[in-house]
């Protein structure tokens, strides 16, 4: 059990030393992708609303 914990902590330390903080460009790209996804879901919901309100369901 103790050996597994030490191995896990070593792996965590290795990952944290390799990982880098995302830059401003990455944040902007993520924000664009998320905004497009939110708009697409809203558009699909609105289209379904229009279809079902037209059908009277």
Protein backbone atom coordinates (compact mmCIF):
# COMPACT_ATOMS: atom_id res chain seq x y z
CA UNK A 1 0.00 0.00 0.00
CA UNK A 2 2.78 2.40 0.90
CA UNK A 3 4.64 1.66 -2.33
CA UNK A 4 1.52 2.37 -4.40
CA UNK A 5 1.11 5.72 -2.67
CA UNK A 6 4.73 6.69 -3.32
CA UNK A 7 4.42 5.70 -6.99
CA UNK A 8 1.23 7.70 -7.32
CA UNK A 9 2.80 10.78 -5.73
CA UNK A 10 5.83 10.52 -8.04
CA UNK A 11 3.55 10.36 -11.06
CA UNK A 12 1.58 13.37 -9.82
CA UNK A 13 4.78 15.35 -9.31
CA UNK A 14 5.97 14.44 -12.80
CA UNK A 15 2.70 15.56 -14.37
CA UNK A 16 2.73 18.85 -12.48
CA UNK A 17 6.27 19.64 -13.58
CA UNK A 18 5.49 18.88 -17.24
CA UNK A 19 2.15 20.73 -17.33
CA UNK A 20 2.18 24.36 -18.41
CA UNK A 21 -0.25 27.18 -17.77
CA UNK A 22 -2.37 27.93 -20.85
CA UNK A 23 -1.69 31.23 -22.56
CA UNK A 24 -4.01 34.05 -23.50
CA UNK A 25 -4.49 32.66 -27.02
CA UNK A 26 -5.57 29.28 -25.68
CA UNK A 27 -8.10 30.88 -23.35
CA UNK A 28 -9.48 32.90 -26.26
CA UNK A 29 -9.75 29.76 -28.43
CA UNK A 30 -11.54 27.85 -25.66
CA UNK A 31 -13.91 30.76 -25.12
CA UNK A 32 -14.76 30.90 -28.84
CA UNK A 33 -15.43 27.16 -29.00
CA UNK A 34 -17.61 27.25 -25.88
CA UNK A 35 -19.56 30.26 -27.15
CA UNK A 36 -20.20 28.56 -30.49
CA UNK A 37 -21.41 25.44 -28.66
CA UNK A 38 -23.77 27.43 -26.43
CA UNK A 39 -25.17 29.31 -29.42
CA UNK A 40 -25.64 26.07 -31.37
CA UNK A 41 -27.52 24.43 -28.49
CA UNK A 42 -29.69 27.51 -28.08
CA UNK A 43 -30.44 27.58 -31.80
CA UNK A 44 -31.40 23.89 -31.82
CA UNK A 45 -33.65 24.42 -28.81
CA UNK A 46 -35.32 27.40 -30.45
CA UNK A 47 -35.87 25.48 -33.68
CA UNK A 48 -37.44 22.57 -31.76
CA UNK A 49 -39.61 25.04 -29.89
CA UNK A 50 -40.82 26.56 -33.15
CA UNK A 51 -41.51 23.15 -34.69
CA UNK A 52 -43.45 21.85 -31.70
CA UNK A 53 -45.39 25.08 -31.23
CA UNK A 54 -46.34 24.98 -34.92
CA UNK A 55 -47.46 21.36 -34.62
CA UNK A 56 -49.40 22.15 -31.44
CA UNK A 57 -47.76 19.45 -29.37
